[in-house]
Protein backbone atom coordinates (compact mmCIF):
# COMPACT_ATOMS: atom_id res chain seq x y z
CA MET A 1 -1.36 -4.88 -18.70
CA ALA A 2 -0.95 -2.01 -21.15
CA PRO A 3 -3.32 -1.96 -24.11
CA VAL A 4 -2.03 -2.89 -27.54
CA GLY A 5 -0.35 0.10 -29.11
CA GLY A 6 1.81 0.93 -26.10
CA THR A 7 -0.48 3.48 -24.44
CA ALA A 8 -0.27 3.03 -20.67
CA ILE A 9 -3.19 4.00 -18.51
CA GLN A 10 -2.32 5.29 -15.05
CA ASP A 11 -4.61 4.80 -12.12
CA HIS A 12 -3.71 7.79 -9.94
CA VAL A 13 -5.61 6.45 -6.92
CA ALA A 14 -3.77 3.14 -7.06
CA LEU A 15 -0.43 4.91 -7.44
CA ALA A 16 -1.19 7.10 -4.40
CA GLU A 17 -2.13 4.02 -2.35
CA ILE A 18 1.09 2.27 -3.35
CA GLU A 19 3.09 5.34 -2.33
CA LEU A 20 1.36 5.47 1.08
CA CYS A 21 2.02 1.75 1.63
CA GLY A 22 5.67 2.37 0.85
CA GLU A 23 5.79 5.22 3.36
CA LEU A 24 4.26 2.95 6.02
CA ILE A 25 6.80 0.21 5.28
CA ILE A 26 9.67 2.68 5.61
CA ALA A 27 8.29 4.05 8.90
CA ALA A 28 7.71 0.55 10.28
CA SER A 29 11.21 -0.61 9.39
CA ALA A 30 12.72 2.45 11.11
CA ALA A 31 10.64 2.04 14.27
CA ARG A 32 11.90 0.23 17.36
CA GLY A 33 8.56 -1.49 17.85
CA ARG A 34 5.04 -1.28 16.58
CA LEU A 35 3.89 2.01 15.13
CA SER A 36 1.33 3.77 17.26
CA LEU A 37 -1.95 4.84 15.70
CA GLU A 38 -0.73 8.42 15.95
CA SER A 39 2.45 7.54 14.07
CA ILE A 40 0.46 5.79 11.35
CA ASP A 41 -1.82 8.81 11.03
CA GLU A 42 1.23 11.05 10.77
CA VAL A 43 2.77 8.91 8.00
CA LEU A 44 -0.54 8.81 6.13
CA LYS A 45 -1.02 12.57 6.69
CA VAL A 46 -4.50 11.97 8.09
CA ALA A 47 -4.60 15.25 10.05
CA GLU A 48 -3.63 17.24 6.95
CA GLU A 49 -6.39 15.59 4.93
CA ARG A 50 -8.95 16.34 7.65
CA ARG A 51 -7.92 20.02 7.75
CA THR A 52 -8.18 20.23 3.97
CA ALA A 53 -11.60 18.55 3.99
CA ASP A 54 -12.91 20.92 6.68
CA ARG A 55 -12.25 23.99 4.53
């Protein structure tokens, strides 16, 4: 709920999580069966995050 006065506070982490969940839902609905762990990692960009963290 937004505070009185109309100022909205955005939780960037929560928004990012919601976006990732949406991407997973889209991928799952387009798949012919269950998503593999590799497919889930690809949707969530896990490999990209690992490369970025290793730098």
